[in-house]
């Protein structure tokens, strides 16, 4: 996932409901799809962040010894400034980058 080049809004933005539910025809179905995609994006971001921060982990578990690492701080700041997963999901939806299907229709066939 390319988080650096995302065009998602970093702040709250109001979207036209009619633009969101064009492909499904149902706003509730669209919201359910967007929620599932936002959870996937959040998991991807979390795994990526933990992998990067694991590089800076120290083997000592002493609470008295706390080390500041500038690279670790920069990585954390980058991930804090990213748009929310919901905003990324909406942006992907509006650019038609999200694939969805009805599984109940697949089981009937």
PDB file of N, CA and C in Angstrom:
ATOM      1  N   UNK A   1       0.857  -1.178   0.000  1.00  0.00           N
ATOM      2  CA  UNK A   1       0.000   0.000   0.000  1.00  0.00           C
ATOM      3  C   UNK A   1       0.895   1.231   0.000  1.00  0.00           C
ATOM      4  N   UNK A   2       0.625   2.175  -0.866  1.00  0.00           N
ATOM      5  CA  UNK A   2       1.431   3.374  -0.975  1.00  0.00           C
ATOM      6  C   UNK A   2       0.798   4.486  -0.150  1.00  0.00           C
ATOM      7  N   UNK A   3       1.271   4.634   1.075  1.00  0.00           N
ATOM      8  CA  UNK A   3       0.682   5.615   1.979  1.00  0.00           C
ATOM      9  C   UNK A   3       1.181   7.026   1.731  1.00  0.00           C
ATOM     10  N   UNK A   4       2.359   7.149   1.149  1.00  0.00           N
ATOM     11  CA  UNK A   4       2.930   8.477   0.929  1.00  0.00           C
ATOM     12  C   UNK A   4       2.194   9.244  -0.156  1.00  0.00           C
ATOM     13  N   UNK A   5       1.653   8.550  -1.136  1.00  0.00           N
ATOM     14  CA  UNK A   5       1.019   9.208  -2.280  1.00  0.00           C
ATOM     15  C   UNK A   5      -0.504   9.197  -2.230  1.00  0.00           C
ATOM     16  N   UNK A   6      -1.073   8.943  -1.092  1.00  0.00           N
ATOM     17  CA  UNK A   6      -2.528   8.917  -0.991  1.00  0.00           C
ATOM     18  C   UNK A   6      -3.084  10.339  -1.057  1.00  0.00           C
ATOM     19  N   UNK A   7      -4.208  10.484  -1.695  1.00  0.00           N
ATOM     20  CA  UNK A   7      -4.864  11.783  -1.838  1.00  0.00           C
ATOM     21  C   UNK A   7      -5.989  11.951  -0.819  1.00  0.00           C
ATOM     22  N   UNK A   8      -6.038  11.073   0.183  1.00  0.00           N
ATOM     23  CA  UNK A   8      -7.107  11.117   1.175  1.00  0.00           C
ATOM     24  C   UNK A   8      -6.985  12.366   2.043  1.00  0.00           C
ATOM     25  N   UNK A   9      -8.127  12.849   2.481  1.00  0.00           N
ATOM     26  CA  UNK A   9      -8.162  14.039   3.332  1.00  0.00           C
ATOM     27  C   UNK A   9      -7.599  13.719   4.709  1.00  0.00           C
ATOM     28  N   UNK A  10      -6.790  14.638   5.230  1.00  0.00           N
ATOM     29  CA  UNK A  10      -6.211  14.437   6.554  1.00  0.00           C
ATOM     30  C   UNK A  10      -7.142  14.933   7.654  1.00  0.00           C
ATOM     31  N   UNK A  11      -8.132  15.707   7.292  1.00  0.00           N
ATOM     32  CA  UNK A  11      -9.096  16.211   8.265  1.00  0.00           C
ATOM     33  C   UNK A  11     -10.494  15.741   7.857  1.00  0.00           C
ATOM     34  N   UNK A  12     -11.453  16.060   8.663  1.00  0.00           N
ATOM     35  CA  UNK A  12     -12.830  15.669   8.388  1.00  0.00           C
ATOM     36  C   UNK A  12     -13.332  16.373   7.131  1.00  0.00           C
ATOM     37  N   UNK A  13     -13.986  15.599   6.284  1.00  0.00           N
ATOM     38  CA  UNK A  13     -14.502  16.136   5.031  1.00  0.00           C
ATOM     39  C   UNK A  13     -15.914  15.604   4.815  1.00  0.00           C
ATOM     40  N   UNK A  14     -16.793  16.432   4.322  1.00  0.00           N
ATOM     41  CA  UNK A  14     -18.157  16.028   4.023  1.00  0.00           C
ATOM     42  C   UNK A  14     -18.228  15.561   2.572  1.00  0.00           C
ATOM     43  N   UNK A  15     -18.820  14.389   2.386  1.00  0.00           N
ATOM     44  CA  UNK A  15     -18.957  13.825   1.039  1.00  0.00           C
ATOM     45  C   UNK A  15     -20.410  13.829   0.638  1.00  0.00           C
ATOM     46  N   UNK A  16     -20.652  13.923  -0.646  1.00  0.00           N
ATOM     47  CA  UNK A  16     -21.995  13.851  -1.192  1.00  0.00           C
ATOM     48  C   UNK A  16     -22.450  12.391  -1.131  1.00  0.00           C
ATOM     49  N   UNK A  17     -23.534  12.143  -0.461  1.00  0.00           N
ATOM     50  CA  UNK A  17     -24.054  10.788  -0.302  1.00  0.00           C
ATOM     51  C   UNK A  17     -24.320  10.133  -1.652  1.00  0.00           C
ATOM     52  N   UNK A  18     -24.792  10.913  -2.595  1.00  0.00           N
ATOM     53  CA  UNK A  18     -25.112  10.367  -3.915  1.00  0.00           C
ATOM     54  C   UNK A  18     -23.873   9.900  -4.672  1.00  0.00           C
ATOM     55  N   UNK A  19     -22.722  10.516  -4.405  1.00  0.00           N
ATOM     56  CA  UNK A  19     -21.482  10.076  -5.037  1.00  0.00           C
ATOM     57  C   UNK A  19     -21.002   8.756  -4.443  1.00  0.00           C
ATOM     58  N   UNK A  20     -21.259   8.558  -3.152  1.00  0.00           N
ATOM     59  CA  UNK A  20     -20.767   7.356  -2.481  1.00  0.00           C
ATOM     60  C   UNK A  20     -21.549   6.108  -2.859  1.00  0.00           C
ATOM     61  N   UNK A  21     -22.854   6.218  -2.998  1.00  0.00           N
ATOM     62  CA  UNK A  21     -23.659   5.011  -3.221  1.00  0.00           C
ATOM     63  C   UNK A  21     -24.047   4.794  -4.679  1.00  0.00           C
ATOM     64  N   UNK A  22     -23.316   5.390  -5.603  1.00  0.00           N
ATOM     65  CA  UNK A  22     -23.624   5.219  -7.027  1.00  0.00           C
ATOM     66  C   UNK A  22     -23.502   3.755  -7.439  1.00  0.00           C
ATOM     67  N   UNK A  23     -22.420   3.098  -7.077  1.00  0.00           N
ATOM     68  CA  UNK A  23     -22.189   1.736  -7.572  1.00  0.00           C
ATOM     69  C   UNK A  23     -23.024   0.680  -6.854  1.00  0.00           C
ATOM     70  N   UNK A  24     -23.423   0.933  -5.606  1.00  0.00           N
ATOM     71  CA  UNK A  24     -24.211  -0.067  -4.886  1.00  0.00           C
ATOM     72  C   UNK A  24     -25.701   0.265  -4.892  1.00  0.00           C
ATOM     73  N   UNK A  25     -26.026   1.547  -4.926  1.00  0.00           N
ATOM     74  CA  UNK A  25     -27.428   1.945  -4.861  1.00  0.00           C
ATOM     75  C   UNK A  25     -27.974   1.943  -3.444  1.00  0.00           C
ATOM     76  N   UNK A  26     -27.133   1.636  -2.469  1.00  0.00           N
ATOM     77  CA  UNK A  26     -27.563   1.557  -1.078  1.00  0.00           C
ATOM     78  C   UNK A  26     -26.451   2.127  -0.207  1.00  0.00           C
ATOM     79  N   UNK A  27     -26.747   3.204   0.502  1.00  0.00           N
ATOM     80  CA  UNK A  27     -25.721   3.867   1.317  1.00  0.00           C
ATOM     81  C   UNK A  27     -25.239   2.968   2.454  1.00  0.00           C
ATOM     82  N   UNK A  28     -26.133   2.148   3.005  1.00  0.00           N
ATOM     83  CA  UNK A  28     -25.744   1.276   4.120  1.00  0.00           C
ATOM     84  C   UNK A  28     -24.786   0.184   3.655  1.00  0.00           C
ATOM     85  N   UNK A  29     -25.019  -0.330   2.468  1.00  0.00           N
ATOM     86  CA  UNK A  29     -24.117  -1.327   1.898  1.00  0.00           C
ATOM     87  C   UNK A  29     -22.748  -0.696   1.626  1.00  0.00           C
ATOM     88  N   UNK A  30     -22.762   0.527   1.122  1.00  0.00           N
ATOM     89  CA  UNK A  30     -21.512   1.242   0.864  1.00  0.00           C
ATOM     90  C   UNK A  30     -20.736   1.463   2.151  1.00  0.00           C
ATOM     91  N   UNK A  31     -21.430   1.855   3.206  1.00  0.00           N
ATOM     92  CA  UNK A  31     -20.773   2.093   4.494  1.00  0.00           C
ATOM     93  C   UNK A  31     -20.187   0.797   5.035  1.00  0.00           C
ATOM     94  N   UNK A  32     -20.898  -0.311   4.878  1.00  0.00           N
ATOM     95  CA  UNK A  32     -20.377  -1.602   5.337  1.00  0.00           C
ATOM     96  C   UNK A  32     -19.108  -1.981   4.579  1.00  0.00           C
ATOM     97  N   UNK A  33     -19.101  -1.751   3.277  1.00  0.00           N
ATOM     98  CA  UNK A  33     -17.920  -2.054   2.457  1.00  0.00           C
ATOM     99  C   UNK A  33     -16.754  -1.165   2.885  1.00  0.00           C
ATOM    100  N   UNK A  34     -17.025   0.124   3.070  1.00  0.00           N
ATOM    101  CA  UNK A  34     -15.976   1.053   3.477  1.00  0.00           C
ATOM    102  C   UNK A  34     -15.429   0.715   4.861  1.00  0.00           C
ATOM    103  N   UNK A  35     -16.297   0.270   5.762  1.00  0.00           N
ATOM    104  CA  UNK A  35     -15.845  -0.098   7.104  1.00  0.00           C
ATOM    105  C   UNK A  35     -14.921  -1.306   7.056  1.00  0.00           C
ATOM    106  N   UNK A  36     -15.283  -2.294   6.252  1.00  0.00           N
ATOM    107  CA  UNK A  36     -14.420  -3.477   6.126  1.00  0.00           C
ATOM    108  C   UNK A  36     -13.076  -3.121   5.510  1.00  0.00           C
ATOM    109  N   UNK A  37     -13.078  -2.249   4.522  1.00  0.00           N
ATOM    110  CA  UNK A  37     -11.823  -1.834   3.897  1.00  0.00           C
ATOM    111  C   UNK A  37     -10.980  -1.014   4.871  1.00  0.00           C
ATOM    112  N   UNK A  38     -11.616  -0.165   5.678  1.00  0.00           N
ATOM    113  CA  UNK A  38     -10.886   0.631   6.664  1.00  0.00           C
ATOM    114  C   UNK A  38     -10.208  -0.268   7.699  1.00  0.00           C
ATOM    115  N   UNK A  39     -10.866  -1.348   8.094  1.00  0.00           N
ATOM    116  CA  UNK A  39     -10.259  -2.301   9.028  1.00  0.00           C
ATOM    117  C   UNK A  39      -9.038  -2.958   8.382  1.00  0.00           C
ATOM    118  N   UNK A  40      -9.148  -3.322   7.105  1.00  0.00           N
ATOM    119  CA  UNK A  40      -8.010  -3.915   6.400  1.00  0.00           C
ATOM    120  C   UNK A  40      -6.842  -2.939   6.315  1.00  0.00           C
ATOM    121  N   UNK A  41      -7.126  -1.694   5.991  1.00  0.00           N
ATOM    122  CA  UNK A  41      -6.084  -0.676   5.890  1.00  0.00           C
ATOM    123  C   UNK A  41      -5.431  -0.457   7.248  1.00  0.00           C
ATOM    124  N   UNK A  42      -6.242  -0.399   8.298  1.00  0.00           N
ATOM    125  CA  UNK A  42      -5.711  -0.200   9.642  1.00  0.00           C
ATOM    126  C   UNK A  42      -4.778  -1.340  10.037  1.00  0.00           C
ATOM    127  N   UNK A  43      -5.149  -2.562   9.728  1.00  0.00           N
ATOM    128  CA  UNK A  43      -4.299  -3.716  10.035  1.00  0.00           C
ATOM    129  C   UNK A  43      -2.984  -3.648   9.255  1.00  0.00           C
ATOM    130  N   UNK A  44      -3.048  -3.263   7.988  1.00  0.00           N
ATOM    131  CA  UNK A  44      -1.838  -3.128   7.175  1.00  0.00           C
ATOM    132  C   UNK A  44      -0.905  -2.072   7.756  1.00  0.00           C
ATOM    133  N   UNK A  45      -1.471  -0.931   8.155  1.00  0.00           N
ATOM    134  CA  UNK A  45      -0.666   0.144   8.728  1.00  0.00           C
ATOM    135  C   UNK A  45      -0.042  -0.305  10.042  1.00  0.00           C
ATOM    136  N   UNK A  46      -0.829  -1.001  10.865  1.00  0.00           N
ATOM    137  CA  UNK A  46      -0.326  -1.445  12.159  1.00  0.00           C
ATOM    138  C   UNK A  46       0.823  -2.436  11.999  1.00  0.00           C
ATOM    139  N   UNK A  47       0.674  -3.389  11.108  1.00  0.00           N
ATOM    140  CA  UNK A  47       1.733  -4.379  10.871  1.00  0.00           C
ATOM    141  C   UNK A  47       2.993  -3.694  10.348  1.00  0.00           C
ATOM    142  N   UNK A  48       2.810  -2.783   9.409  1.00  0.00           N
ATOM    143  CA  UNK A  48       3.953  -2.072   8.833  1.00  0.00           C
ATOM    144  C   UNK A  48       4.668  -1.234   9.893  1.00  0.00           C
ATOM    145  N   UNK A  49       3.910  -0.557  10.746  1.00  0.00           N
ATOM    146  CA  UNK A  49       4.498   0.258  11.809  1.00  0.00           C
ATOM    147  C   UNK A  49       5.243  -0.601  12.811  1.00  0.00           C
ATOM    148  N   UNK A  50       4.635  -1.702  13.257  1.00  0.00           N
ATOM    149  CA  UNK A  50       5.299  -2.577  14.222  1.00  0.00           C
ATOM    150  C   UNK A  50       6.573  -3.184  13.653  1.00  0.00           C
ATOM    151  N   UNK A  51       6.555  -3.524  12.361  1.00  0.00           N
ATOM    152  CA  UNK A  51       7.764  -4.056  11.731  1.00  0.00           C
ATOM    153  C   UNK A  51       8.889  -3.029  11.733  1.00  0.00           C
ATOM    154  N   UNK A  52       8.554  -1.786  11.437  1.00  0.00           N
ATOM    155  CA  UNK A  52       9.574  -0.739  11.419  1.00  0.00           C
ATOM    156  C   UNK A  52      10.067  -0.415  12.823  1.00  0.00           C
ATOM    157  N   UNK A  53       9.171  -0.394  13.801  1.00  0.00           N
ATOM    158  CA  UNK A  53       9.575  -0.075  15.173  1.00  0.00           C
ATOM    159  C   UNK A  53      10.325  -1.228  15.831  1.00  0.00           C
ATOM    160  N   UNK A  54      10.099  -2.437  15.343  1.00  0.00           N
ATOM    161  CA  UNK A  54      10.796  -3.604  15.886  1.00  0.00           C
ATOM    162  C   UNK A  54      12.302  -3.514  15.645  1.00  0.00           C
ATOM    163  N   UNK A  55      12.688  -2.832  14.592  1.00  0.00           N
ATOM    164  CA  UNK A  55      14.099  -2.640  14.301  1.00  0.00           C
ATOM    165  C   UNK A  55      14.801  -1.850  15.406  1.00  0.00           C
ATOM    166  N   UNK A  56      14.046  -0.989  16.096  1.00  0.00           N
ATOM    167  CA  UNK A  56      14.628  -0.135  17.124  1.00  0.00           C
ATOM    168  C   UNK A  56      14.496  -0.721  18.523  1.00  0.00           C
ATOM    169  N   UNK A  57      13.886  -1.878  18.640  1.00  0.00           N
ATOM    170  CA  UNK A  57      13.653  -2.479  19.952  1.00  0.00           C
ATOM    171  C   UNK A  57      14.986  -2.861  20.608  1.00  0.00           C
ATOM    172  N   UNK A  58      15.063  -2.603  21.898  1.00  0.00           N
ATOM    173  CA  UNK A  58      16.261  -2.966  22.652  1.00  0.00           C
ATOM    174  C   UNK A  58      15.945  -4.201  23.486  1.00  0.00           C
ATOM    175  N   UNK A  59      16.924  -5.074  23.662  1.00  0.00           N
ATOM    176  CA  UNK A  59      16.661  -6.305  24.406  1.00  0.00           C
ATOM    177  C   UNK A  59      16.476  -6.097  25.910  1.00  0.00           C
ATOM    178  N   UNK A  60      16.852  -4.953  26.432  1.00  0.00           N
ATOM    179  CA  UNK A  60      16.698  -4.719  27.869  1.00  0.00           C
ATOM    180  C   UNK A  60      15.267  -4.330  28.181  1.00  0.00           C
ATOM    181  N   UNK A  61      14.785  -4.806  29.294  1.00  0.00           N
ATOM    182  CA  UNK A  61      13.417  -4.492  29.703  1.00  0.00           C
ATOM    183  C   UNK A  61      13.410  -3.661  30.971  1.00  0.00           C
ATOM    184  N   UNK A  62      14.471  -2.966  31.229  1.00  0.00           N
ATOM    185  CA  UNK A  62      14.567  -2.142  32.419  1.00  0.00           C
ATOM    186  C   UNK A  62      13.858  -0.820  32.163  1.00  0.00           C
ATOM    187  N   UNK A  63      12.911  -0.481  33.006  1.00  0.00           N
ATOM    188  CA  UNK A  63      12.134   0.731  32.808  1.00  0.00           C
ATOM    189  C   UNK A  63      12.945   1.985  33.117  1.00  0.00           C
ATOM    190  N   UNK A  64      14.018   1.841  33.865  1.00  0.00           N
ATOM    191  CA  UNK A  64      14.824   3.004  34.225  1.00  0.00           C
ATOM    192  C   UNK A  64      15.677   3.479  33.052  1.00  0.00           C
ATOM    193  N   UNK A  65      15.989   2.585  32.149  1.00  0.00           N
ATOM    194  CA  UNK A  65      16.808   2.940  31.006  1.00  0.00           C
ATOM    195  C   UNK A  65      15.917   3.157  29.781  1.00  0.00           C
ATOM    196  N   UNK A  66      15.707   4.399  29.449  1.00  0.00           N
ATOM    197  CA  UNK A  66      14.891   4.731  28.286  1.00  0.00           C
ATOM    198  C   UNK A  66      15.788   5.475  27.308  1.00  0.00           C
ATOM    199  N   UNK A  67      15.836   4.960  26.088  1.00  0.00           N
ATOM    200  CA  UNK A  67      16.670   5.563  25.070  1.00  0.00           C
ATOM    201  C   UNK A  67      15.782   6.238  24.035  1.00  0.00           C
ATOM    202  N   UNK A  68      16.189   7.435  23.635  1.00  0.00           N
ATOM    203  CA  UNK A  68      15.479   8.116  22.565  1.00  0.00           C
ATOM    204  C   UNK A  68      16.233   7.889  21.266  1.00  0.00           C
ATOM    205  N   UNK A  69      15.520   7.479  20.275  1.00  0.00           N
ATOM    206  CA  UNK A  69      16.104   7.226  18.981  1.00  0.00           C
ATOM    207  C   UNK A  69      15.419   8.142  17.978  1.00  0.00           C
ATOM    208  N   UNK A  70      16.200   9.008  17.320  1.00  0.00           N
ATOM    209  CA  UNK A  70      15.614   9.985  16.405  1.00  0.00           C
ATOM    210  C   UNK A  70      14.906   9.329  15.223  1.00  0.00           C
ATOM    211  N   UNK A  71      15.461   8.223  14.724  1.00  0.00           N
ATOM    212  CA  UNK A  71      14.821   7.544  13.603  1.00  0.00           C
ATOM    213  C   UNK A  71      13.467   6.974  14.015  1.00  0.00           C
ATOM    214  N   UNK A  72      13.411   6.441  15.220  1.00  0.00           N
ATOM    215  CA  UNK A  72      12.162   5.883  15.725  1.00  0.00           C
ATOM    216  C   UNK A  72      11.113   6.983  15.883  1.00  0.00           C
ATOM    217  N   UNK A  73      11.543   8.132  16.352  1.00  0.00           N
ATOM    218  CA  UNK A  73      10.619   9.254  16.516  1.00  0.00           C
ATOM    219  C   UNK A  73      10.108   9.721  15.161  1.00  0.00           C
ATOM    220  N   UNK A  74      10.976   9.769  14.161  1.00  0.00           N
ATOM    221  CA  UNK A  74      10.566  10.183  12.821  1.00  0.00           C
ATOM    222  C   UNK A  74       9.563   9.201  12.214  1.00  0.00           C
ATOM    223  N   UNK A  75       9.790   7.907  12.404  1.00  0.00           N
ATOM    224  CA  UNK A  75       8.861   6.895  11.898  1.00  0.00           C
ATOM    225  C   UNK A  75       7.500   7.065  12.569  1.00  0.00           C
ATOM    226  N   UNK A  76       7.505   7.260  13.876  1.00  0.00           N
ATOM    227  CA  UNK A  76       6.248   7.433  14.610  1.00  0.00           C
ATOM    228  C   UNK A  76       5.508   8.685  14.142  1.00  0.00           C
ATOM    229  N   UNK A  77       6.233   9.775  13.937  1.00  0.00           N
ATOM    230  CA  UNK A  77       5.596  11.013  13.479  1.00  0.00           C
ATOM    231  C   UNK A  77       4.987  10.848  12.090  1.00  0.00           C
ATOM    232  N   UNK A  78       5.673  10.106  11.217  1.00  0.00           N
ATOM    233  CA  UNK A  78       5.138   9.874   9.878  1.00  0.00           C
ATOM    234  C   UNK A  78       3.794   9.163   9.961  1.00  0.00           C
ATOM    235  N   UNK A  79       3.713   8.122  10.778  1.00  0.00           N
ATOM    236  CA  UNK A  79       2.473   7.353  10.871  1.00  0.00           C
ATOM    237  C   UNK A  79       1.381   8.125  11.597  1.00  0.00           C
ATOM    238  N   UNK A  80       1.752   9.045  12.485  1.00  0.00           N
ATOM    239  CA  UNK A  80       0.753   9.868  13.155  1.00  0.00           C
ATOM    240  C   UNK A  80       0.120  10.871  12.199  1.00  0.00           C
ATOM    241  N   UNK A  81       0.881  11.322  11.194  1.00  0.00           N
ATOM    242  CA  UNK A  81       0.396  12.331  10.253  1.00  0.00           C
ATOM    243  C   UNK A  81      -0.424  11.738   9.110  1.00  0.00           C
ATOM    244  N   UNK A  82      -0.439  10.427   8.990  1.00  0.00           N
ATOM    245  CA  UNK A  82      -1.194   9.800   7.901  1.00  0.00           C
ATOM    246  C   UNK A  82      -2.689  10.061   8.044  1.00  0.00           C
ATOM    247  N   UNK A  83      -3.399  10.076   6.935  1.00  0.00           N
ATOM    248  CA  UNK A  83      -4.866  10.174   7.022  1.00  0.00           C
ATOM    249  C   UNK A  83      -5.434   8.933   7.718  1.00  0.00           C
ATOM    250  N   UNK A  84      -6.589   9.080   8.279  1.00  0.00           N
ATOM    251  CA  UNK A  84      -7.251   7.968   8.958  1.00  0.00           C
ATOM    252  C   UNK A  84      -7.609   6.880   7.949  1.00  0.00           C
ATOM    253  N   UNK A  85      -7.652   5.618   8.395  1.00  0.00           N
ATOM    254  CA  UNK A  85      -8.003   4.527   7.484  1.00  0.00           C
ATOM    255  C   UNK A  85      -9.362   4.720   6.799  1.00  0.00           C
ATOM    256  N   UNK A  86     -10.304   5.334   7.507  1.00  0.00           N
ATOM    257  CA  UNK A  86     -11.614   5.581   6.908  1.00  0.00           C
ATOM    258  C   UNK A  86     -11.491   6.533   5.721  1.00  0.00           C
ATOM    259  N   UNK A  87     -10.657   7.564   5.856  1.00  0.00           N
ATOM    260  CA  UNK A  87     -10.482   8.532   4.773  1.00  0.00           C
ATOM    261  C   UNK A  87      -9.797   7.880   3.577  1.00  0.00           C
ATOM    262  N   UNK A  88      -8.836   7.006   3.847  1.00  0.00           N
ATOM    263  CA  UNK A  88      -8.158   6.296   2.763  1.00  0.00           C
ATOM    264  C   UNK A  88      -9.141   5.369   2.053  1.00  0.00           C
ATOM    265  N   UNK A  89      -9.988   4.694   2.818  1.00  0.00           N
ATOM    266  CA  UNK A  89     -10.981   3.790   2.234  1.00  0.00           C
ATOM    267  C   UNK A  89     -11.968   4.559   1.352  1.00  0.00           C
ATOM    268  N   UNK A  90     -12.412   5.707   1.812  1.00  0.00           N
ATOM    269  CA  UNK A  90     -13.349   6.511   1.014  1.00  0.00           C
ATOM    270  C   UNK A  90     -12.676   6.980  -0.265  1.00  0.00           C
ATOM    271  N   UNK A  91     -11.431   7.409  -0.164  1.00  0.00           N
ATOM    272  CA  UNK A  91     -10.711   7.863  -1.358  1.00  0.00           C
ATOM    273  C   UNK A  91     -10.553   6.719  -2.363  1.00  0.00           C
ATOM    274  N   UNK A  92     -10.220   5.526  -1.872  1.00  0.00           N
ATOM    275  CA  UNK A  92     -10.105   4.366  -2.759  1.00  0.00           C
ATOM    276  C   UNK A  92     -11.459   4.028  -3.386  1.00  0.00           C
ATOM    277  N   UNK A  93     -12.524   4.162  -2.622  1.00  0.00           N
ATOM    278  CA  UNK A  93     -13.867   3.875  -3.126  1.00  0.00           C
ATOM    279  C   UNK A  93     -14.246   4.847  -4.250  1.00  0.00           C
ATOM    280  N   UNK A  94     -13.967   6.129  -4.039  1.00  0.00           N
ATOM    281  CA  UNK A  94     -14.310   7.126  -5.043  1.00  0.00           C
ATOM    282  C   UNK A  94     -13.463   6.974  -6.302  1.00  0.00           C
ATOM    283  N   UNK A  95     -12.261   6.427  -6.185  1.00  0.00           N
ATOM    284  CA  UNK A  95     -11.410   6.182  -7.346  1.00  0.00           C
ATOM    285  C   UNK A  95     -11.655   4.794  -7.949  1.00  0.00           C
ATOM    286  N   UNK A  96     -12.649   4.099  -7.420  1.00  0.00           N
ATOM    287  CA  UNK A  96     -13.052   2.765  -7.880  1.00  0.00           C
ATOM    288  C   UNK A  96     -11.903   1.761  -7.820  1.00  0.00           C
ATOM    289  N   UNK A  97     -11.168   1.785  -6.712  1.00  0.00           N
ATOM    290  CA  UNK A  97     -10.066   0.851  -6.509  1.00  0.00           C
ATOM    291  C   UNK A  97     -10.458  -0.293  -5.573  1.00  0.00           C
ATOM    292  N   UNK A  98     -11.693  -0.293  -5.102  1.00  0.00           N
ATOM    293  CA  UNK A  98     -12.153  -1.336  -4.182  1.00  0.00           C
ATOM    294  C   UNK A  98     -13.063  -2.289  -4.945  1.00  0.00           C
ATOM    295  N   UNK A  99     -12.739  -3.572  -4.840  1.00  0.00           N
ATOM    296  CA  UNK A  99     -13.547  -4.621  -5.455  1.00  0.00           C
ATOM    297  C   UNK A  99     -14.435  -5.222  -4.380  1.00  0.00           C
ATOM    298  N   UNK A 100     -15.691  -5.420  -4.675  1.00  0.00           N
ATOM    299  CA  UNK A 100     -16.602  -6.075  -3.740  1.00  0.00           C
ATOM    300  C   UNK A 100     -17.534  -6.985  -4.525  1.00  0.00           C
ATOM    301  N   UNK A 101     -18.101  -7.944  -3.824  1.00  0.00           N
ATOM    302  CA  UNK A 101     -19.074  -8.842  -4.446  1.00  0.00           C
ATOM    303  C   UNK A 101     -20.041  -9.316  -3.380  1.00  0.00           C
ATOM    304  N   UNK A 102     -21.160  -9.828  -3.825  1.00  0.00           N
ATOM    305  CA  UNK A 102     -22.178 -10.364  -2.918  1.00  0.00           C
ATOM    306  C   UNK A 102     -21.950 -11.863  -2.773  1.00  0.00           C
ATOM    307  N   UNK A 103     -21.597 -12.305  -1.597  1.00  0.00           N
ATOM    308  CA  UNK A 103     -21.334 -13.727  -1.397  1.00  0.00           C
ATOM    309  C   UNK A 103     -22.617 -14.547  -1.341  1.00  0.00           C
ATOM    310  N   UNK A 104     -23.725 -13.940  -0.935  1.00  0.00           N
ATOM    311  CA  UNK A 104     -24.987 -14.695  -0.893  1.00  0.00           C
ATOM    312  C   UNK A 104     -25.437 -15.074  -2.302  1.00  0.00           C
ATOM    313  N   UNK A 105     -25.140 -14.263  -3.300  1.00  0.00           N
ATOM    314  CA  UNK A 105     -25.482 -14.592  -4.682  1.00  0.00           C
ATOM    315  C   UNK A 105     -24.602 -15.714  -5.208  1.00  0.00           C
ATOM    316  N   UNK A 106     -23.374 -15.803  -4.720  1.00  0.00           N
ATOM    317  CA  UNK A 106     -22.457 -16.858  -5.154  1.00  0.00           C
ATOM    318  C   UNK A 106     -22.875 -18.233  -4.610  1.00  0.00           C
ATOM    319  N   UNK A 107     -23.441 -18.248  -3.420  1.00  0.00           N
ATOM    320  CA  UNK A 107     -23.825 -19.534  -2.819  1.00  0.00           C
ATOM    321  C   UNK A 107     -25.086 -20.105  -3.446  1.00  0.00           C
ATOM    322  N   UNK A 108     -25.954 -19.252  -4.016  1.00  0.00           N
ATOM    323  CA  UNK A 108     -27.197 -19.717  -4.626  1.00  0.00           C
ATOM    324  C   UNK A 108     -26.953 -20.439  -5.956  1.00  0.00           C
ATOM    325  N   UNK A 109     -25.878 -20.109  -6.625  1.00  0.00           N
ATOM    326  CA  UNK A 109     -25.630 -20.657  -7.945  1.00  0.00           C
ATOM    327  C   UNK A 109     -25.125 -22.069  -7.897  1.00  0.00           C
TER     328      UNK A 109
END
